Amino acid sequence: MEEKSSNNKKLFYSISEVASMFNLNESTLRFWEKEFNTIRPRKTGKGTRFYKQEDIDAIRLIYYLVKERGMTLAGARQKLKDNKETTIRQEEIVNRLKQIKAELLSIRDAFDDLEDEKGT
């Protein structure tokens, strides 16, 4: 079931792919699915889960609140209920800042490598 959309992203992801994206156990994803009604993967007759991008976005928000901000599941559920848009914006900002940090560290490493080459 590896359909692709027009921008070449997959339409469906397996539970193992999603677990790998967030470095989580598959059992954690199944548990979060029960705890948060925003995660609704398609299931085959045999119970195989296929996650859509909306599911992954919901998992990303829950991951941010629970794993990065240290909230309880109940606290995360309440935060998403009370203020989902602000939470989405905060997660996007934090994610972008992490990307910028990684880019800056990469540039620093490149400069360090240049300095090492000049010094030898």
PDB file of N, CA and C in Angstrom:
ATOM      1  N   MET A   1       0.836  -1.185   0.000  1.00  0.00           N
ATOM      2  CA  MET A   1       0.000   0.000   0.000  1.00  0.00           C
ATOM      3  C   MET A   1       0.881   1.249   0.000  1.00  0.00           C
ATOM      4  N   GLU A   2       1.762   1.373  -0.964  1.00  0.00           N
ATOM      5  CA  GLU A   2       2.670   2.507  -1.013  1.00  0.00           C
ATOM      6  C   GLU A   2       2.247   3.464  -2.115  1.00  0.00           C
ATOM      7  N   GLU A   3       1.092   4.078  -1.921  1.00  0.00           N
ATOM      8  CA  GLU A   3       0.630   5.077  -2.869  1.00  0.00           C
ATOM      9  C   GLU A   3       1.402   6.359  -2.623  1.00  0.00           C
ATOM     10  N   LYS A   4       1.582   7.150  -3.689  1.00  0.00           N
ATOM     11  CA  LYS A   4       2.283   8.425  -3.547  1.00  0.00           C
ATOM     12  C   LYS A   4       1.382   9.535  -4.053  1.00  0.00           C
ATOM     13  N   SER A   5       1.527  10.712  -3.421  1.00  0.00           N
ATOM     14  CA  SER A   5       0.770  11.867  -3.863  1.00  0.00           C
ATOM     15  C   SER A   5       1.581  12.614  -4.912  1.00  0.00           C
ATOM     16  N   SER A   6       1.029  13.713  -5.420  1.00  0.00           N
ATOM     17  CA  SER A   6       1.665  14.444  -6.508  1.00  0.00           C
ATOM     18  C   SER A   6       3.019  15.027  -6.106  1.00  0.00           C
ATOM     19  N   ASN A   7       3.229  15.362  -4.837  1.00  0.00           N
ATOM     20  CA  ASN A   7       4.515  15.916  -4.438  1.00  0.00           C
ATOM     21  C   ASN A   7       5.491  14.826  -4.006  1.00  0.00           C
ATOM     22  N   ASN A   8       5.191  13.591  -4.372  1.00  0.00           N
ATOM     23  CA  ASN A   8       6.068  12.432  -4.180  1.00  0.00           C
ATOM     24  C   ASN A   8       6.188  11.990  -2.722  1.00  0.00           C
ATOM     25  N   LYS A   9       5.344  12.506  -1.848  1.00  0.00           N
ATOM     26  CA  LYS A   9       5.300  12.000  -0.481  1.00  0.00           C
ATOM     27  C   LYS A   9       4.376  10.801  -0.462  1.00  0.00           C
ATOM     28  N   LYS A  10       4.674   9.875   0.411  1.00  0.00           N
ATOM     29  CA  LYS A  10       3.796   8.719   0.548  1.00  0.00           C
ATOM     30  C   LYS A  10       2.473   9.163   1.152  1.00  0.00           C
ATOM     31  N   LEU A  11       1.402   8.501   0.753  1.00  0.00           N
ATOM     32  CA  LEU A  11       0.091   8.802   1.322  1.00  0.00           C
ATOM     33  C   LEU A  11      -0.121   8.046   2.624  1.00  0.00           C
ATOM     34  N   PHE A  12       0.493   6.873   2.741  1.00  0.00           N
ATOM     35  CA  PHE A  12       0.317   6.038   3.928  1.00  0.00           C
ATOM     36  C   PHE A  12       1.662   5.537   4.420  1.00  0.00           C
ATOM     37  N   TYR A  13       1.782   5.478   5.743  1.00  0.00           N
ATOM     38  CA  TYR A  13       3.007   4.991   6.375  1.00  0.00           C
ATOM     39  C   TYR A  13       2.648   3.862   7.332  1.00  0.00           C
ATOM     40  N   SER A  14       3.511   2.871   7.413  1.00  0.00           N
ATOM     41  CA  SER A  14       3.285   1.758   8.334  1.00  0.00           C
ATOM     42  C   SER A  14       3.605   2.210   9.756  1.00  0.00           C
ATOM     43  N   ILE A  15       3.145   1.440  10.719  1.00  0.00           N
ATOM     44  CA  ILE A  15       3.412   1.778  12.116  1.00  0.00           C
ATOM     45  C   ILE A  15       4.914   1.756  12.394  1.00  0.00           C
ATOM     46  N   SER A  16       5.641   0.859  11.766  1.00  0.00           N
ATOM     47  CA  SER A  16       7.089   0.812  12.005  1.00  0.00           C
ATOM     48  C   SER A  16       7.776   2.056  11.433  1.00  0.00           C
ATOM     49  N   GLU A  17       7.310   2.542  10.292  1.00  0.00           N
ATOM     50  CA  GLU A  17       7.886   3.766   9.722  1.00  0.00           C
ATOM     51  C   GLU A  17       7.625   4.968  10.624  1.00  0.00           C
ATOM     52  N   VAL A  18       6.408   5.070  11.140  1.00  0.00           N
ATOM     53  CA  VAL A  18       6.051   6.193  12.002  1.00  0.00           C
ATOM     54  C   VAL A  18       6.807   6.096  13.326  1.00  0.00           C
ATOM     55  N   ALA A  19       6.889   4.914  13.881  1.00  0.00           N
ATOM     56  CA  ALA A  19       7.638   4.724  15.134  1.00  0.00           C
ATOM     57  C   ALA A  19       9.096   5.146  14.937  1.00  0.00           C
ATOM     58  N   SER A  20       9.662   4.801  13.805  1.00  0.00           N
ATOM     59  CA  SER A  20      11.039   5.149  13.495  1.00  0.00           C
ATOM     60  C   SER A  20      11.215   6.672  13.362  1.00  0.00           C
ATOM     61  N   MET A  21      10.240   7.344  12.777  1.00  0.00           N
ATOM     62  CA  MET A  21      10.311   8.806  12.608  1.00  0.00           C
ATOM     63  C   MET A  21      10.506   9.516  13.947  1.00  0.00           C
ATOM     64  N   PHE A  22       9.864   8.988  14.975  1.00  0.00           N
ATOM     65  CA  PHE A  22       9.874   9.643  16.277  1.00  0.00           C
ATOM     66  C   PHE A  22      10.702   8.893  17.320  1.00  0.00           C
ATOM     67  N   ASN A  23      11.364   7.840  16.891  1.00  0.00           N
ATOM     68  CA  ASN A  23      12.148   7.005  17.802  1.00  0.00           C
ATOM     69  C   ASN A  23      11.281   6.526  18.980  1.00  0.00           C
ATOM     70  N   LEU A  24      10.109   6.014  18.640  1.00  0.00           N
ATOM     71  CA  LEU A  24       9.161   5.503  19.628  1.00  0.00           C
ATOM     72  C   LEU A  24       8.937   4.018  19.390  1.00  0.00           C
ATOM     73  N   ASN A  25       8.441   3.340  20.403  1.00  0.00           N
ATOM     74  CA  ASN A  25       8.009   1.959  20.239  1.00  0.00           C
ATOM     75  C   ASN A  25       6.650   1.949  19.545  1.00  0.00           C
ATOM     76  N   GLU A  26       6.389   0.903  18.793  1.00  0.00           N
ATOM     77  CA  GLU A  26       5.082   0.755  18.152  1.00  0.00           C
ATOM     78  C   GLU A  26       3.980   0.696  19.201  1.00  0.00           C
ATOM     79  N   SER A  27       4.286   0.096  20.356  1.00  0.00           N
ATOM     80  CA  SER A  27       3.282   0.000  21.421  1.00  0.00           C
ATOM     81  C   SER A  27       2.908   1.389  21.940  1.00  0.00           C
ATOM     82  N   THR A  28       3.864   2.319  21.952  1.00  0.00           N
ATOM     83  CA  THR A  28       3.567   3.692  22.373  1.00  0.00           C
ATOM     84  C   THR A  28       2.595   4.336  21.402  1.00  0.00           C
ATOM     85  N   LEU A  29       2.800   4.125  20.114  1.00  0.00           N
ATOM     86  CA  LEU A  29       1.878   4.679  19.113  1.00  0.00           C
ATOM     87  C   LEU A  29       0.479   4.093  19.268  1.00  0.00           C
ATOM     88  N   ARG A  30       0.406   2.785  19.493  1.00  0.00           N
ATOM     89  CA  ARG A  30      -0.909   2.161  19.677  1.00  0.00           C
ATOM     90  C   ARG A  30      -1.599   2.715  20.919  1.00  0.00           C
ATOM     91  N   PHE A  31      -0.813   2.951  21.989  1.00  0.00           N
ATOM     92  CA  PHE A  31      -1.377   3.509  23.213  1.00  0.00           C
ATOM     93  C   PHE A  31      -1.859   4.941  22.977  1.00  0.00           C
ATOM     94  N   TRP A  32      -1.033   5.753  22.311  1.00  0.00           N
ATOM     95  CA  TRP A  32      -1.429   7.141  22.031  1.00  0.00           C
ATOM     96  C   TRP A  32      -2.686   7.178  21.171  1.00  0.00           C
ATOM     97  N   GLU A  33      -2.808   6.216  20.275  1.00  0.00           N
ATOM     98  CA  GLU A  33      -3.997   6.134  19.417  1.00  0.00           C
ATOM     99  C   GLU A  33      -5.264   5.983  20.267  1.00  0.00           C
ATOM    100  N   LYS A  34      -5.156   5.221  21.350  1.00  0.00           N
ATOM    101  CA  LYS A  34      -6.305   5.048  22.247  1.00  0.00           C
ATOM    102  C   LYS A  34      -6.563   6.304  23.077  1.00  0.00           C
ATOM    103  N   GLU A  35      -5.498   7.021  23.399  1.00  0.00           N
ATOM    104  CA  GLU A  35      -5.590   8.188  24.279  1.00  0.00           C
ATOM    105  C   GLU A  35      -5.984   9.488  23.558  1.00  0.00           C
ATOM    106  N   PHE A  36      -5.683   9.577  22.273  1.00  0.00           N
ATOM    107  CA  PHE A  36      -5.923  10.803  21.505  1.00  0.00           C
ATOM    108  C   PHE A  36      -6.750  10.475  20.273  1.00  0.00           C
ATOM    109  N   ASN A  37      -7.930  11.072  20.187  1.00  0.00           N
ATOM    110  CA  ASN A  37      -8.800  10.764  19.052  1.00  0.00           C
ATOM    111  C   ASN A  37      -8.354  11.430  17.751  1.00  0.00           C
ATOM    112  N   THR A  38      -7.289  12.219  17.791  1.00  0.00           N
ATOM    113  CA  THR A  38      -6.777  12.843  16.567  1.00  0.00           C
ATOM    114  C   THR A  38      -5.893  11.892  15.768  1.00  0.00           C
ATOM    115  N   ILE A  39      -5.503  10.772  16.373  1.00  0.00           N
ATOM    116  CA  ILE A  39      -4.701   9.768  15.661  1.00  0.00           C
ATOM    117  C   ILE A  39      -5.666   8.662  15.231  1.00  0.00           C
ATOM    118  N   ARG A  40      -5.921   8.606  13.924  1.00  0.00           N
ATOM    119  CA  ARG A  40      -6.878   7.623  13.412  1.00  0.00           C
ATOM    120  C   ARG A  40      -6.330   6.939  12.155  1.00  0.00           C
ATOM    121  N   PRO A  41      -5.375   6.036  12.335  1.00  0.00           N
ATOM    122  CA  PRO A  41      -4.842   5.353  11.143  1.00  0.00           C
ATOM    123  C   PRO A  41      -5.896   4.443  10.526  1.00  0.00           C
ATOM    124  N   ARG A  42      -5.759   4.246   9.234  1.00  0.00           N
ATOM    125  CA  ARG A  42      -6.608   3.246   8.563  1.00  0.00           C
ATOM    126  C   ARG A  42      -6.143   1.877   9.013  1.00  0.00           C
ATOM    127  N   LYS A  43      -7.093   0.969   9.152  1.00  0.00           N
ATOM    128  CA  LYS A  43      -6.735  -0.397   9.528  1.00  0.00           C
ATOM    129  C   LYS A  43      -7.302  -1.362   8.501  1.00  0.00           C
ATOM    130  N   THR A  44      -6.499  -2.355   8.168  1.00  0.00           N
ATOM    131  CA  THR A  44      -6.970  -3.398   7.265  1.00  0.00           C
ATOM    132  C   THR A  44      -7.818  -4.372   8.076  1.00  0.00           C
ATOM    133  N   GLY A  45      -8.410  -5.325   7.407  1.00  0.00           N
ATOM    134  CA  GLY A  45      -9.202  -6.343   8.082  1.00  0.00           C
ATOM    135  C   GLY A  45      -8.399  -7.118   9.108  1.00  0.00           C
ATOM    136  N   LYS A  46      -7.098  -7.226   8.871  1.00  0.00           N
ATOM    137  CA  LYS A  46      -6.230  -7.945   9.809  1.00  0.00           C
ATOM    138  C   LYS A  46      -5.663  -7.024  10.889  1.00  0.00           C
ATOM    139  N   GLY A  47      -6.042  -5.746  10.854  1.00  0.00           N
ATOM    140  CA  GLY A  47      -5.603  -4.812  11.888  1.00  0.00           C
ATOM    141  C   GLY A  47      -4.305  -4.078  11.601  1.00  0.00           C
ATOM    142  N   THR A  48      -3.765  -4.229  10.388  1.00  0.00           N
ATOM    143  CA  THR A  48      -2.551  -3.514  10.021  1.00  0.00           C
ATOM    144  C   THR A  48      -2.879  -2.031   9.895  1.00  0.00           C
ATOM    145  N   ARG A  49      -2.075  -1.192  10.545  1.00  0.00           N
ATOM    146  CA  ARG A  49      -2.320   0.244  10.547  1.00  0.00           C
ATOM    147  C   ARG A  49      -1.574   0.930   9.416  1.00  0.00           C
ATOM    148  N   PHE A  50      -2.240   1.928   8.814  1.00  0.00           N
ATOM    149  CA  PHE A  50      -1.615   2.797   7.826  1.00  0.00           C
ATOM    150  C   PHE A  50      -1.923   4.231   8.202  1.00  0.00           C
ATOM    151  N   TYR A  51      -0.855   4.989   8.469  1.00  0.00           N
ATOM    152  CA  TYR A  51      -0.984   6.358   8.948  1.00  0.00           C
ATOM    153  C   TYR A  51      -0.930   7.352   7.795  1.00  0.00           C
ATOM    154  N   LYS A  52      -1.830   8.337   7.839  1.00  0.00           N
ATOM    155  CA  LYS A  52      -1.836   9.438   6.869  1.00  0.00           C
ATOM    156  C   LYS A  52      -0.995  10.576   7.435  1.00  0.00           C
ATOM    157  N   GLN A  53      -0.700  11.577   6.613  1.00  0.00           N
ATOM    158  CA  GLN A  53       0.089  12.725   7.066  1.00  0.00           C
ATOM    159  C   GLN A  53      -0.581  13.429   8.244  1.00  0.00           C
ATOM    160  N   GLU A  54      -1.917  13.502   8.253  1.00  0.00           N
ATOM    161  CA  GLU A  54      -2.625  14.146   9.371  1.00  0.00           C
ATOM    162  C   GLU A  54      -2.346  13.406  10.683  1.00  0.00           C
ATOM    163  N   ASP A  55      -2.277  12.076  10.616  1.00  0.00           N
ATOM    164  CA  ASP A  55      -1.965  11.286  11.807  1.00  0.00           C
ATOM    165  C   ASP A  55      -0.553  11.605  12.296  1.00  0.00           C
ATOM    166  N   ILE A  56       0.379  11.693  11.360  1.00  0.00           N
ATOM    167  CA  ILE A  56       1.772  11.978  11.703  1.00  0.00           C
ATOM    168  C   ILE A  56       1.893  13.369  12.309  1.00  0.00           C
ATOM    169  N   ASP A  57       1.138  14.337  11.771  1.00  0.00           N
ATOM    170  CA  ASP A  57       1.146  15.688  12.332  1.00  0.00           C
ATOM    171  C   ASP A  57       0.615  15.681  13.766  1.00  0.00           C
ATOM    172  N   ALA A  58      -0.434  14.914  14.010  1.00  0.00           N
ATOM    173  CA  ALA A  58      -0.993  14.800  15.365  1.00  0.00           C
ATOM    174  C   ALA A  58       0.020  14.154  16.300  1.00  0.00           C
ATOM    175  N   ILE A  59       0.693  13.111  15.839  1.00  0.00           N
ATOM    176  CA  ILE A  59       1.710  12.436  16.647  1.00  0.00           C
ATOM    177  C   ILE A  59       2.856  13.396  16.952  1.00  0.00           C
ATOM    178  N   ARG A  60       3.246  14.207  15.962  1.00  0.00           N
ATOM    179  CA  ARG A  60       4.326  15.176  16.163  1.00  0.00           C
ATOM    180  C   ARG A  60       3.972  16.147  17.292  1.00  0.00           C
ATOM    181  N   LEU A  61       2.730  16.621  17.319  1.00  0.00           N
ATOM    182  CA  LEU A  61       2.299  17.539  18.374  1.00  0.00           C
ATOM    183  C   LEU A  61       2.304  16.852  19.740  1.00  0.00           C
ATOM    184  N   ILE A  62       1.794  15.642  19.782  1.00  0.00           N
ATOM    185  CA  ILE A  62       1.760  14.896  21.044  1.00  0.00           C
ATOM    186  C   ILE A  62       3.184  14.618  21.514  1.00  0.00           C
ATOM    187  N   TYR A  63       4.043  14.228  20.600  1.00  0.00           N
ATOM    188  CA  TYR A  63       5.450  13.980  20.923  1.00  0.00           C
ATOM    189  C   TYR A  63       6.073  15.240  21.518  1.00  0.00           C
ATOM    190  N   TYR A  64       5.829  16.378  20.882  1.00  0.00           N
ATOM    191  CA  TYR A  64       6.371  17.657  21.351  1.00  0.00           C
ATOM    192  C   TYR A  64       5.923  17.927  22.791  1.00  0.00           C
ATOM    193  N   LEU A  65       4.633  17.767  23.047  1.00  0.00           N
ATOM    194  CA  LEU A  65       4.108  18.071  24.380  1.00  0.00           C
ATOM    195  C   LEU A  65       4.585  17.076  25.434  1.00  0.00           C
ATOM    196  N   VAL A  66       4.577  15.793  25.094  1.00  0.00           N
ATOM    197  CA  VAL A  66       4.877  14.749  26.082  1.00  0.00           C
ATOM    198  C   VAL A  66       6.385  14.535  26.240  1.00  0.00           C
ATOM    199  N   LYS A  67       7.079  14.368  25.146  1.00  0.00           N
ATOM    200  CA  LYS A  67       8.500  14.006  25.209  1.00  0.00           C
ATOM    201  C   LYS A  67       9.420  15.222  25.345  1.00  0.00           C
ATOM    202  N   GLU A  68       9.056  16.335  24.693  1.00  0.00           N
ATOM    203  CA  GLU A  68       9.940  17.494  24.722  1.00  0.00           C
ATOM    204  C   GLU A  68       9.564  18.487  25.816  1.00  0.00           C
ATOM    205  N   ARG A  69       8.292  18.666  26.066  1.00  0.00           N
ATOM    206  CA  ARG A  69       7.850  19.610  27.100  1.00  0.00           C
ATOM    207  C   ARG A  69       7.598  18.911  28.434  1.00  0.00           C
ATOM    208  N   GLY A  70       7.570  17.576  28.440  1.00  0.00           N
ATOM    209  CA  GLY A  70       7.438  16.822  29.675  1.00  0.00           C
ATOM    210  C   GLY A  70       6.037  16.786  30.262  1.00  0.00           C
ATOM    211  N   MET A  71       5.022  16.997  29.440  1.00  0.00           N
ATOM    212  CA  MET A  71       3.652  16.984  29.932  1.00  0.00           C
ATOM    213  C   MET A  71       3.153  15.544  30.085  1.00  0.00           C
ATOM    214  N   THR A  72       2.164  15.377  30.945  1.00  0.00           N
ATOM    215  CA  THR A  72       1.490  14.087  31.044  1.00  0.00           C
ATOM    216  C   THR A  72       0.567  13.942  29.843  1.00  0.00           C
ATOM    217  N   LEU A  73       0.088  12.732  29.598  1.00  0.00           N
ATOM    218  CA  LEU A  73      -0.866  12.541  28.501  1.00  0.00           C
ATOM    219  C   LEU A  73      -2.133  13.351  28.751  1.00  0.00           C
ATOM    220  N   ALA A  74      -2.594  13.368  29.993  1.00  0.00           N
ATOM    221  CA  ALA A  74      -3.793  14.142  30.324  1.00  0.00           C
ATOM    222  C   ALA A  74      -3.548  15.633  30.092  1.00  0.00           C
ATOM    223  N   GLY A  75      -2.367  16.108  30.478  1.00  0.00           N
ATOM    224  CA  GLY A  75      -2.015  17.509  30.264  1.00  0.00           C
ATOM    225  C   GLY A  75      -1.930  17.844  28.788  1.00  0.00           C
ATOM    226  N   ALA A  76      -1.342  16.947  28.008  1.00  0.00           N
ATOM    227  CA  ALA A  76      -1.237  17.160  26.561  1.00  0.00           C
ATOM    228  C   ALA A  76      -2.618  17.172  25.910  1.00  0.00           C
ATOM    229  N   ARG A  77      -3.468  16.256  26.349  1.00  0.00           N
ATOM    230  CA  ARG A  77      -4.828  16.190  25.805  1.00  0.00           C
ATOM    231  C   ARG A  77      -5.571  17.503  26.093  1.00  0.00           C
ATOM    232  N   GLN A  78      -5.431  18.020  27.312  1.00  0.00           N
ATOM    233  CA  GLN A  78      -6.089  19.263  27.696  1.00  0.00           C
ATOM    234  C   GLN A  78      -5.523  20.450  26.913  1.00  0.00           C
ATOM    235  N   LYS A  79      -4.213  20.489  26.758  1.00  0.00           N
ATOM    236  CA  LYS A  79      -3.553  21.572  26.014  1.00  0.00           C
ATOM    237  C   LYS A  79      -4.038  21.602  24.569  1.00  0.00           C
ATOM    238  N   LEU A  80      -4.142  20.436  23.948  1.00  0.00           N
ATOM    239  CA  LEU A  80      -4.615  20.367  22.569  1.00  0.00           C
ATOM    240  C   LEU A  80      -6.086  20.759  22.474  1.00  0.00           C
ATOM    241  N   LYS A  81      -6.845  20.428  23.489  1.00  0.00           N
ATOM    242  CA  LYS A  81      -8.268  20.781  23.503  1.00  0.00           C
ATOM    243  C   LYS A  81      -8.440  22.291  23.679  1.00  0.00           C
ATOM    244  N   ASP A  82      -7.668  22.878  24.600  1.00  0.00           N
ATOM    245  CA  ASP A  82      -7.821  24.291  24.939  1.00  0.00           C
ATOM    246  C   ASP A  82      -7.169  25.226  23.930  1.00  0.00           C
ATOM    247  N   ASN A  83      -6.019  24.822  23.391  1.00  0.00           N
ATOM    248  CA  ASN A  83      -5.219  25.780  22.642  1.00  0.00           C
ATOM    249  C   ASN A  83      -4.398  25.109  21.545  1.00  0.00           C
ATOM    250  N   LYS A  84      -5.051  24.393  20.671  1.00  0.00           N
ATOM    251  CA  LYS A  84      -4.343  23.600  19.657  1.00  0.00           C
ATOM    252  C   LYS A  84      -3.541  24.481  18.697  1.00  0.00           C
ATOM    253  N   GLU A  85      -4.109  25.588  18.246  1.00  0.00           N
ATOM    254  CA  GLU A  85      -3.417  26.430  17.256  1.00  0.00           C
ATOM    255  C   GLU A  85      -2.117  27.006  17.815  1.00  0.00           C
ATOM    256  N   THR A  86      -2.155  27.478  19.053  1.00  0.00           N
ATOM    257  CA  THR A  86      -0.937  28.010  19.682  1.00  0.00           C
ATOM    258  C   THR A  86       0.094  26.903  19.844  1.00  0.00           C
ATOM    259  N   THR A  87      -0.345  25.731  20.228  1.00  0.00           N
ATOM    260  CA  THR A  87       0.558  24.592  20.393  1.00  0.00           C
ATOM    261  C   THR A  87       1.202  24.232  19.059  1.00  0.00           C
ATOM    262  N   ILE A  88       0.419  24.248  17.988  1.00  0.00           N
ATOM    263  CA  ILE A  88       0.961  23.954  16.654  1.00  0.00           C
ATOM    264  C   ILE A  88       2.040  24.974  16.302  1.00  0.00           C
ATOM    265  N   ARG A  89       1.752  26.251  16.524  1.00  0.00           N
ATOM    266  CA  ARG A  89       2.728  27.301  16.204  1.00  0.00           C
ATOM    267  C   ARG A  89       4.000  27.136  17.039  1.00  0.00           C
ATOM    268  N   GLN A  90       3.852  26.845  18.333  1.00  0.00           N
ATOM    269  CA  GLN A  90       5.022  26.657  19.195  1.00  0.00           C
ATOM    270  C   GLN A  90       5.874  25.497  18.709  1.00  0.00           C
ATOM    271  N   GLU A  91       5.227  24.387  18.361  1.00  0.00           N
ATOM    272  CA  GLU A  91       5.973  23.215  17.891  1.00  0.00           C
ATOM    273  C   GLU A  91       6.698  23.544  16.595  1.00  0.00           C
ATOM    274  N   GLU A  92       6.038  24.269  15.700  1.00  0.00           N
ATOM    275  CA  GLU A  92       6.672  24.634  14.426  1.00  0.00           C
ATOM    276  C   GLU A  92       7.884  25.534  14.661  1.00  0.00           C
ATOM    277  N   ILE A  93       7.751  26.489  15.595  1.00  0.00           N
ATOM    278  CA  ILE A  93       8.869  27.384  15.903  1.00  0.00           C
ATOM    279  C   ILE A  93      10.026  26.605  16.498  1.00  0.00           C
ATOM    280  N   VAL A  94       9.750  25.740  17.458  1.00  0.00           N
ATOM    281  CA  VAL A  94      10.799  24.937  18.082  1.00  0.00           C
ATOM    282  C   VAL A  94      11.482  24.061  17.034  1.00  0.00           C
ATOM    283  N   ASN A  95      10.694  23.446  16.163  1.00  0.00           N
ATOM    284  CA  ASN A  95      11.246  22.585  15.127  1.00  0.00           C
ATOM    285  C   ASN A  95      12.148  23.387  14.180  1.00  0.00           C
ATOM    286  N   ARG A  96      11.699  24.576  13.792  1.00  0.00           N
ATOM    287  CA  ARG A  96      12.499  25.416  12.893  1.00  0.00           C
ATOM    288  C   ARG A  96      13.795  25.854  13.570  1.00  0.00           C
ATOM    289  N   LEU A  97      13.716  26.211  14.858  1.00  0.00           N
ATOM    290  CA  LEU A  97      14.920  26.601  15.583  1.00  0.00           C
ATOM    291  C   LEU A  97      15.916  25.440  15.677  1.00  0.00           C
ATOM    292  N   LYS A  98      15.410  24.222  15.837  1.00  0.00           N
ATOM    293  CA  LYS A  98      16.295  23.051  15.851  1.00  0.00           C
ATOM    294  C   LYS A  98      16.992  22.893  14.498  1.00  0.00           C
ATOM    295  N   GLN A  99      16.239  23.129  13.412  1.00  0.00           N
ATOM    296  CA  GLN A  99      16.833  23.038  12.071  1.00  0.00           C
ATOM    297  C   GLN A  99      17.914  24.101  11.889  1.00  0.00           C
ATOM    298  N   ILE A 100      17.635  25.317  12.348  1.00  0.00           N
ATOM    299  CA  ILE A 100      18.613  26.407  12.233  1.00  0.00           C
ATOM    300  C   ILE A 100      19.863  26.068  13.042  1.00  0.00           C
ATOM    301  N   LYS A 101      19.666  25.540  14.246  1.00  0.00           N
ATOM    302  CA  LYS A 101      20.809  25.151  15.084  1.00  0.00           C
ATOM    303  C   LYS A 101      21.665  24.113  14.371  1.00  0.00           C
ATOM    304  N   ALA A 102      21.012  23.106  13.773  1.00  0.00           N
ATOM    305  CA  ALA A 102      21.753  22.064  13.055  1.00  0.00           C
ATOM    306  C   ALA A 102      22.527  22.660  11.876  1.00  0.00           C
ATOM    307  N   GLU A 103      21.900  23.609  11.162  1.00  0.00           N
ATOM    308  CA  GLU A 103      22.584  24.259  10.044  1.00  0.00           C
ATOM    309  C   GLU A 103      23.787  25.057  10.526  1.00  0.00           C
ATOM    310  N   LEU A 104      23.614  25.802  11.630  1.00  0.00           N
ATOM    311  CA  LEU A 104      24.715  26.595  12.170  1.00  0.00           C
ATOM    312  C   LEU A 104      25.852  25.708  12.660  1.00  0.00           C
ATOM    313  N   LEU A 105      25.516  24.589  13.314  1.00  0.00           N
ATOM    314  CA  LEU A 105      26.556  23.661  13.764  1.00  0.00           C
ATOM    315  C   LEU A 105      27.301  23.065  12.580  1.00  0.00           C
ATOM    316  N   SER A 106      26.576  22.793  11.511  1.00  0.00           N
ATOM    317  CA  SER A 106      27.202  22.257  10.302  1.00  0.00           C
ATOM    318  C   SER A 106      28.165  23.281   9.693  1.00  0.00           C
ATOM    319  N   ILE A 107      27.760  24.542   9.672  1.00  0.00           N
ATOM    320  CA  ILE A 107      28.625  25.604   9.149  1.00  0.00           C
ATOM    321  C   ILE A 107      29.865  25.745  10.034  1.00  0.00           C
ATOM    322  N   ARG A 108      29.667  25.706  11.359  1.00  0.00           N
ATOM    323  CA  ARG A 108      30.802  25.796  12.285  1.00  0.00           C
ATOM    324  C   ARG A 108      31.786  24.648  12.037  1.00  0.00           C
ATOM    325  N   ASP A 109      31.245  23.449  11.861  1.00  0.00           N
ATOM    326  CA  ASP A 109      32.106  22.294  11.603  1.00  0.00           C
ATOM    327  C   ASP A 109      32.878  22.460  10.298  1.00  0.00           C
ATOM    328  N   ALA A 110      32.206  23.014   9.282  1.00  0.00           N
ATOM    329  CA  ALA A 110      32.876  23.246   7.999  1.00  0.00           C
ATOM    330  C   ALA A 110      34.016  24.247   8.166  1.00  0.00           C
ATOM    331  N   PHE A 111      33.779  25.311   8.947  1.00  0.00           N
ATOM    332  CA  PHE A 111      34.844  26.281   9.220  1.00  0.00           C
ATOM    333  C   PHE A 111      35.991  25.642   9.998  1.00  0.00           C
ATOM    334  N   ASP A 112      35.645  24.807  10.976  1.00  0.00           N
ATOM    335  CA  ASP A 112      36.673  24.101  11.747  1.00  0.00           C
ATOM    336  C   ASP A 112      37.528  23.235  10.831  1.00  0.00           C
ATOM    337  N   ASP A 113      36.879  22.556   9.892  1.00  0.00           N
ATOM    338  CA  ASP A 113      37.606  21.707   8.949  1.00  0.00           C
ATOM    339  C   ASP A 113      38.547  22.546   8.085  1.00  0.00           C
ATOM    340  N   LEU A 114      38.079  23.717   7.650  1.00  0.00           N
ATOM    341  CA  LEU A 114      38.926  24.613   6.850  1.00  0.00           C
ATOM    342  C   LEU A 114      40.139  25.093   7.658  1.00  0.00           C
ATOM    343  N   GLU A 115      39.892  25.436   8.910  1.00  0.00           N
ATOM    344  CA  GLU A 115      40.979  25.877   9.789  1.00  0.00           C
ATOM    345  C   GLU A 115      42.004  24.768   9.984  1.00  0.00           C
ATOM    346  N   ASP A 116      41.512  23.536  10.152  1.00  0.00           N
ATOM    347  CA  ASP A 116      42.402  22.391  10.326  1.00  0.00           C
ATOM    348  C   ASP A 116      43.263  22.188   9.085  1.00  0.00           C
ATOM    349  N   GLU A 117      42.659  22.359   7.905  1.00  0.00           N
ATOM    350  CA  GLU A 117      43.407  22.188   6.654  1.00  0.00           C
ATOM    351  C   GLU A 117      44.453  23.270   6.498  1.00  0.00           C
ATOM    352  N   LYS A 118      44.144  24.491   6.886  1.00  0.00           N
ATOM    353  CA  LYS A 118      45.097  25.599   6.797  1.00  0.00           C
ATOM    354  C   LYS A 118      46.248  25.400   7.768  1.00  0.00           C
ATOM    355  N   GLY A 119      45.913  24.861   8.928  1.00  0.00           N
ATOM    356  CA  GLY A 119      46.909  24.709   9.992  1.00  0.00           C
ATOM    357  C   GLY A 119      47.908  23.594   9.733  1.00  0.00           C
ATOM    358  N   THR A 120      47.569  22.663   8.848  1.00  0.00           N
ATOM    359  CA  THR A 120      48.480  21.535   8.621  1.00  0.00           C
ATOM    360  C   THR A 120      49.324  21.697   7.409  1.00  0.00           C
TER     361      THR A 120
END
